[in-house]
């Protein structure tokens, strides 16, 4: 399942907004926090996509045997 860049940005924004509302992130730390959260989400999505591809190929291999 491919996730678009736009979707990752929207998810990151929602998380950062919630953290700001809770007082966990200040406006001064916004740039660093946004980048850190964005990178974490993007890496997670990329790993999930890679695992999905590996699983799909493994299942195809099992069926052909």
C-alpha atoms as a PDB file:
ATOM      1  CA  UNK A   1       0.000   0.000   0.000  1.00  0.00           C
ATOM      2  CA  UNK A   2       1.617   3.210  -1.137  1.00  0.00           C
ATOM      3  CA  UNK A   3       1.177   6.282   1.020  1.00  0.00           C
ATOM      4  CA  UNK A   4       1.549   9.646  -0.683  1.00  0.00           C
ATOM      5  CA  UNK A   5       3.841  12.411   0.505  1.00  0.00           C
ATOM      6  CA  UNK A   6       0.747  14.542   1.049  1.00  0.00           C
ATOM      7  CA  UNK A   7      -0.712  11.944   3.407  1.00  0.00           C
ATOM      8  CA  UNK A   8       2.516  11.770   5.419  1.00  0.00           C
ATOM      9  CA  UNK A   9       2.538  15.568   5.724  1.00  0.00           C
ATOM     10  CA  UNK A  10      -1.098  15.616   6.882  1.00  0.00           C
ATOM     11  CA  UNK A  11      -0.475  12.936   9.497  1.00  0.00           C
ATOM     12  CA  UNK A  12       2.611  14.772  10.739  1.00  0.00           C
ATOM     13  CA  UNK A  13       0.677  18.030  10.965  1.00  0.00           C
ATOM     14  CA  UNK A  14      -2.091  16.418  13.001  1.00  0.00           C
ATOM     15  CA  UNK A  15       0.381  14.884  15.444  1.00  0.00           C
ATOM     16  CA  UNK A  16       2.324  18.137  15.845  1.00  0.00           C
ATOM     17  CA  UNK A  17      -0.893  20.133  16.379  1.00  0.00           C
ATOM     18  CA  UNK A  18      -1.967  17.695  19.116  1.00  0.00           C
ATOM     19  CA  UNK A  19       1.434  17.957  20.792  1.00  0.00           C
ATOM     20  CA  UNK A  20       1.259  21.769  20.685  1.00  0.00           C
ATOM     21  CA  UNK A  21      -2.257  21.687  22.171  1.00  0.00           C
ATOM     22  CA  UNK A  22      -1.005  19.430  24.970  1.00  0.00           C
ATOM     23  CA  UNK A  23       1.986  21.689  25.628  1.00  0.00           C
ATOM     24  CA  UNK A  24       4.518  19.034  24.591  1.00  0.00           C
ATOM     25  CA  UNK A  25       5.873  21.144  21.726  1.00  0.00           C
ATOM     26  CA  UNK A  26       6.376  24.889  21.833  1.00  0.00           C
ATOM     27  CA  UNK A  27       6.181  27.105  18.759  1.00  0.00           C
ATOM     28  CA  UNK A  28       9.917  27.717  19.154  1.00  0.00           C
ATOM     29  CA  UNK A  29      10.704  24.011  18.844  1.00  0.00           C
ATOM     30  CA  UNK A  30       8.224  23.461  15.999  1.00  0.00           C
ATOM     31  CA  UNK A  31      10.739  23.162  13.106  1.00  0.00           C
ATOM     32  CA  UNK A  32      12.879  20.514  14.797  1.00  0.00           C
ATOM     33  CA  UNK A  33       9.891  18.643  16.184  1.00  0.00           C
ATOM     34  CA  UNK A  34       8.074  18.641  12.847  1.00  0.00           C
ATOM     35  CA  UNK A  35      11.143  17.298  11.040  1.00  0.00           C
ATOM     36  CA  UNK A  36      11.699  14.572  13.630  1.00  0.00           C
ATOM     37  CA  UNK A  37       8.072  13.423  13.590  1.00  0.00           C
ATOM     38  CA  UNK A  38       7.902  13.602   9.777  1.00  0.00           C
ATOM     39  CA  UNK A  39      11.058  11.499   9.436  1.00  0.00           C
ATOM     40  CA  UNK A  40       9.746   8.905  11.875  1.00  0.00           C
ATOM     41  CA  UNK A  41       6.447   8.558  10.034  1.00  0.00           C
ATOM     42  CA  UNK A  42       8.114   8.425   6.615  1.00  0.00           C
ATOM     43  CA  UNK A  43      10.611   5.778   7.768  1.00  0.00           C
ATOM     44  CA  UNK A  44       7.814   3.701   9.269  1.00  0.00           C
ATOM     45  CA  UNK A  45       5.790   3.871   6.047  1.00  0.00           C
ATOM     46  CA  UNK A  46       8.829   2.945   3.948  1.00  0.00           C
ATOM     47  CA  UNK A  47       9.629  -0.047   6.188  1.00  0.00           C
ATOM     48  CA  UNK A  48       6.002  -1.181   6.060  1.00  0.00           C
ATOM     49  CA  UNK A  49       6.026  -0.924   2.254  1.00  0.00           C
ATOM     50  CA  UNK A  50       9.271  -2.902   2.062  1.00  0.00           C
ATOM     51  CA  UNK A  51       7.916  -5.610   4.366  1.00  0.00           C
ATOM     52  CA  UNK A  52       4.773  -5.770   2.264  1.00  0.00           C
ATOM     53  CA  UNK A  53       6.801  -6.293  -0.913  1.00  0.00           C
ATOM     54  CA  UNK A  54       8.940  -8.975   0.733  1.00  0.00           C
ATOM     55  CA  UNK A  55       5.859 -10.754   2.075  1.00  0.00           C
ATOM     56  CA  UNK A  56       4.111 -10.602  -1.303  1.00  0.00           C
ATOM     57  CA  UNK A  57       7.143 -12.045  -3.094  1.00  0.00           C
ATOM     58  CA  UNK A  58       7.501 -14.765  -0.477  1.00  0.00           C
ATOM     59  CA  UNK A  59       3.853 -15.749  -0.895  1.00  0.00           C
ATOM     60  CA  UNK A  60       4.251 -15.856  -4.693  1.00  0.00           C
ATOM     61  CA  UNK A  61       7.322 -18.045  -4.288  1.00  0.00           C
ATOM     62  CA  UNK A  62       5.466 -20.436  -1.966  1.00  0.00           C
ATOM     63  CA  UNK A  63       2.564 -20.776  -4.415  1.00  0.00           C
ATOM     64  CA  UNK A  64       4.829 -21.596  -7.347  1.00  0.00           C
ATOM     65  CA  UNK A  65       6.505 -24.490  -5.535  1.00  0.00           C
END
